[in-house]
Amino acid sequence: MNFAQTLNNVGDIPLSLLSSSWINGDLISIQIDVDVYLVGLEEGKNHLHGRIVLSKGDKPLTHMNMSK
């Protein structure tokens, strides 16, 4: 099963809208449109990504703890 077929099984995405895939070493690669990439890059500029590491025994955090 190729990349496009896998995605098609997940939702109602027509195969004609998906790029073809190829094996690049140990990875599966797909080509994306430069304009689509730049739009996604621009949209992601204001998104904060992070990681919280808790020690064993720490109380779990809720969204209320993180908004303070």
N, C-alpha and C. Protein backbone atom coordinates (compact mmCIF):
# COMPACT_ATOMS: atom_id res chain seq x y z
N MET A 1 0.86 -1.18 0.00
CA MET A 1 0.00 0.00 0.00
C MET A 1 0.90 1.23 0.00
N ASN A 2 0.63 2.20 -0.87
CA ASN A 2 1.46 3.39 -0.91
C ASN A 2 0.90 4.47 0.02
N PHE A 3 1.64 5.57 0.13
CA PHE A 3 1.26 6.67 1.02
C PHE A 3 -0.14 7.20 0.72
N ALA A 4 -0.42 7.43 -0.53
CA ALA A 4 -1.72 7.97 -0.92
C ALA A 4 -2.85 7.01 -0.56
N GLN A 5 -2.64 5.71 -0.77
CA GLN A 5 -3.67 4.74 -0.42
C GLN A 5 -3.91 4.71 1.08
N THR A 6 -2.84 4.82 1.86
CA THR A 6 -2.98 4.83 3.31
C THR A 6 -3.81 6.01 3.76
N LEU A 7 -3.52 7.20 3.22
CA LEU A 7 -4.29 8.38 3.59
C LEU A 7 -5.74 8.26 3.12
N ASN A 8 -5.93 7.68 1.98
CA ASN A 8 -7.29 7.53 1.47
C ASN A 8 -8.12 6.63 2.37
N ASN A 9 -7.48 5.65 3.00
CA ASN A 9 -8.21 4.77 3.92
C ASN A 9 -8.60 5.49 5.20
N VAL A 10 -7.89 6.57 5.54
CA VAL A 10 -8.16 7.31 6.77
C VAL A 10 -9.36 8.24 6.60
N GLY A 11 -9.49 8.84 5.46
CA GLY A 11 -10.56 9.81 5.27
C GLY A 11 -11.02 9.83 3.82
N ASP A 12 -11.74 10.86 3.49
CA ASP A 12 -12.30 11.00 2.15
C ASP A 12 -11.44 11.91 1.30
N ILE A 13 -10.14 11.66 1.23
CA ILE A 13 -9.23 12.45 0.42
C ILE A 13 -9.05 11.77 -0.92
N PRO A 14 -9.44 12.41 -2.00
CA PRO A 14 -9.25 11.77 -3.31
C PRO A 14 -7.77 11.55 -3.60
N LEU A 15 -7.42 10.40 -4.11
CA LEU A 15 -6.03 10.08 -4.42
C LEU A 15 -5.42 11.07 -5.39
N SER A 16 -6.25 11.66 -6.26
CA SER A 16 -5.74 12.59 -7.25
C SER A 16 -5.17 13.87 -6.63
N LEU A 17 -5.54 14.17 -5.38
CA LEU A 17 -5.05 15.37 -4.71
C LEU A 17 -3.75 15.16 -3.96
N LEU A 18 -3.30 13.90 -3.87
CA LEU A 18 -2.11 13.60 -3.08
C LEU A 18 -0.89 13.43 -3.96
N SER A 19 0.26 13.81 -3.41
CA SER A 19 1.51 13.62 -4.11
C SER A 19 1.91 12.15 -4.07
N SER A 20 2.73 11.75 -5.02
CA SER A 20 3.24 10.39 -4.98
C SER A 20 4.36 10.34 -3.95
N SER A 21 4.68 9.15 -3.49
CA SER A 21 5.72 8.98 -2.49
C SER A 21 6.85 8.13 -3.05
N TRP A 22 8.00 8.19 -2.38
CA TRP A 22 9.13 7.36 -2.77
C TRP A 22 9.95 7.04 -1.53
N ILE A 23 10.74 6.00 -1.61
CA ILE A 23 11.61 5.61 -0.50
C ILE A 23 12.91 6.40 -0.62
N ASN A 24 13.30 7.05 0.47
CA ASN A 24 14.52 7.84 0.52
C ASN A 24 15.35 7.32 1.70
N GLY A 25 16.19 6.32 1.43
CA GLY A 25 16.93 5.67 2.52
C GLY A 25 15.96 4.85 3.35
N ASP A 26 15.85 5.16 4.65
CA ASP A 26 14.93 4.45 5.54
C ASP A 26 13.60 5.18 5.69
N LEU A 27 13.41 6.26 4.95
CA LEU A 27 12.22 7.09 5.12
C LEU A 27 11.33 7.06 3.89
N ILE A 28 10.05 7.31 4.11
CA ILE A 28 9.12 7.51 3.00
C ILE A 28 9.02 9.01 2.80
N SER A 29 9.25 9.48 1.59
CA SER A 29 9.23 10.90 1.28
C SER A 29 8.06 11.24 0.38
N ILE A 30 7.56 12.45 0.54
CA ILE A 30 6.54 12.98 -0.36
C ILE A 30 6.95 14.39 -0.75
N GLN A 31 6.55 14.81 -1.92
CA GLN A 31 6.84 16.16 -2.36
C GLN A 31 5.63 17.03 -2.09
N ILE A 32 5.86 18.21 -1.52
CA ILE A 32 4.77 19.14 -1.27
C ILE A 32 5.01 20.42 -2.07
N ASP A 33 3.95 21.11 -2.36
CA ASP A 33 4.01 22.36 -3.10
C ASP A 33 4.66 23.43 -2.24
N VAL A 34 5.56 24.21 -2.81
CA VAL A 34 6.28 25.24 -2.07
C VAL A 34 5.31 26.26 -1.47
N ASP A 35 4.29 26.65 -2.21
CA ASP A 35 3.32 27.63 -1.69
C ASP A 35 2.57 27.08 -0.49
N VAL A 36 2.19 25.82 -0.54
CA VAL A 36 1.49 25.18 0.59
C VAL A 36 2.42 25.14 1.80
N TYR A 37 3.69 24.81 1.58
CA TYR A 37 4.67 24.78 2.66
C TYR A 37 4.82 26.15 3.30
N LEU A 38 4.94 27.20 2.48
CA LEU A 38 5.14 28.55 3.01
C LEU A 38 3.92 29.03 3.78
N VAL A 39 2.72 28.68 3.34
CA VAL A 39 1.50 29.05 4.08
C VAL A 39 1.51 28.36 5.44
N GLY A 40 1.84 27.09 5.47
CA GLY A 40 1.91 26.36 6.74
C GLY A 40 2.98 26.92 7.66
N LEU A 41 4.11 27.30 7.10
CA LEU A 41 5.18 27.90 7.87
C LEU A 41 4.72 29.22 8.50
N GLU A 42 4.03 30.02 7.72
CA GLU A 42 3.53 31.31 8.21
C GLU A 42 2.48 31.11 9.31
N GLU A 43 1.59 30.15 9.12
CA GLU A 43 0.55 29.89 10.12
C GLU A 43 1.14 29.37 11.42
N GLY A 44 2.25 28.67 11.35
CA GLY A 44 2.84 28.08 12.53
C GLY A 44 3.75 29.00 13.32
N LYS A 45 3.99 30.21 12.84
CA LYS A 45 4.91 31.12 13.52
C LYS A 45 4.42 31.51 14.92
N ASN A 46 3.13 31.52 15.13
CA ASN A 46 2.58 31.95 16.41
C ASN A 46 2.16 30.78 17.30
N HIS A 47 2.60 29.59 16.97
CA HIS A 47 2.25 28.42 17.77
C HIS A 47 3.43 28.06 18.66
N LEU A 48 3.17 27.87 19.92
CA LEU A 48 4.22 27.53 20.88
C LEU A 48 4.26 26.01 21.04
N HIS A 49 5.43 25.46 20.86
CA HIS A 49 5.63 24.03 21.07
C HIS A 49 6.58 23.86 22.23
N GLY A 50 6.29 22.94 23.09
CA GLY A 50 7.15 22.74 24.24
C GLY A 50 6.94 21.38 24.85
N ARG A 51 7.66 21.14 25.90
CA ARG A 51 7.57 19.86 26.58
C ARG A 51 7.66 20.12 28.07
N ILE A 52 6.84 19.44 28.83
CA ILE A 52 6.88 19.53 30.28
C ILE A 52 7.30 18.16 30.79
N VAL A 53 8.35 18.15 31.59
CA VAL A 53 8.83 16.90 32.14
C VAL A 53 8.49 16.87 33.62
N LEU A 54 7.72 15.88 34.02
CA LEU A 54 7.34 15.73 35.42
C LEU A 54 8.19 14.63 36.05
N SER A 55 8.53 14.83 37.30
CA SER A 55 9.26 13.79 38.04
C SER A 55 8.26 12.82 38.63
N LYS A 56 8.74 11.62 38.94
CA LYS A 56 7.88 10.62 39.56
C LYS A 56 7.32 11.19 40.86
N GLY A 57 6.02 11.09 41.03
CA GLY A 57 5.37 11.61 42.22
C GLY A 57 4.79 13.00 42.06
N ASP A 58 5.15 13.73 41.00
CA ASP A 58 4.56 15.05 40.76
C ASP A 58 3.08 14.91 40.44
N LYS A 59 2.30 15.89 40.84
CA LYS A 59 0.88 15.88 40.52
C LYS A 59 0.71 16.18 39.03
N PRO A 60 -0.21 15.51 38.37
CA PRO A 60 -0.46 15.79 36.95
C PRO A 60 -0.92 17.24 36.75
N LEU A 61 -0.54 17.84 35.66
CA LEU A 61 -0.95 19.21 35.34
C LEU A 61 -2.27 19.21 34.59
N THR A 62 -3.05 20.23 34.80
CA THR A 62 -4.27 20.44 34.03
C THR A 62 -4.09 21.70 33.20
N HIS A 63 -5.00 21.97 32.32
CA HIS A 63 -4.91 23.19 31.52
C HIS A 63 -4.96 24.43 32.41
N MET A 64 -5.62 24.33 33.56
CA MET A 64 -5.70 25.47 34.47
C MET A 64 -4.32 25.76 35.08
N ASN A 65 -3.53 24.72 35.38
CA ASN A 65 -2.20 24.92 35.93
C ASN A 65 -1.30 25.62 34.90
N MET A 66 -1.48 25.31 33.65
CA MET A 66 -0.60 25.83 32.63
C MET A 66 -0.98 27.23 32.18
N SER A 67 -2.16 27.70 32.51
CA SER A 67 -2.58 29.02 32.06
C SER A 67 -2.18 30.12 33.05
N LYS A 68 -1.56 29.74 34.16
CA LYS A 68 -1.15 30.73 35.18
C LYS A 68 0.15 31.34 34.83
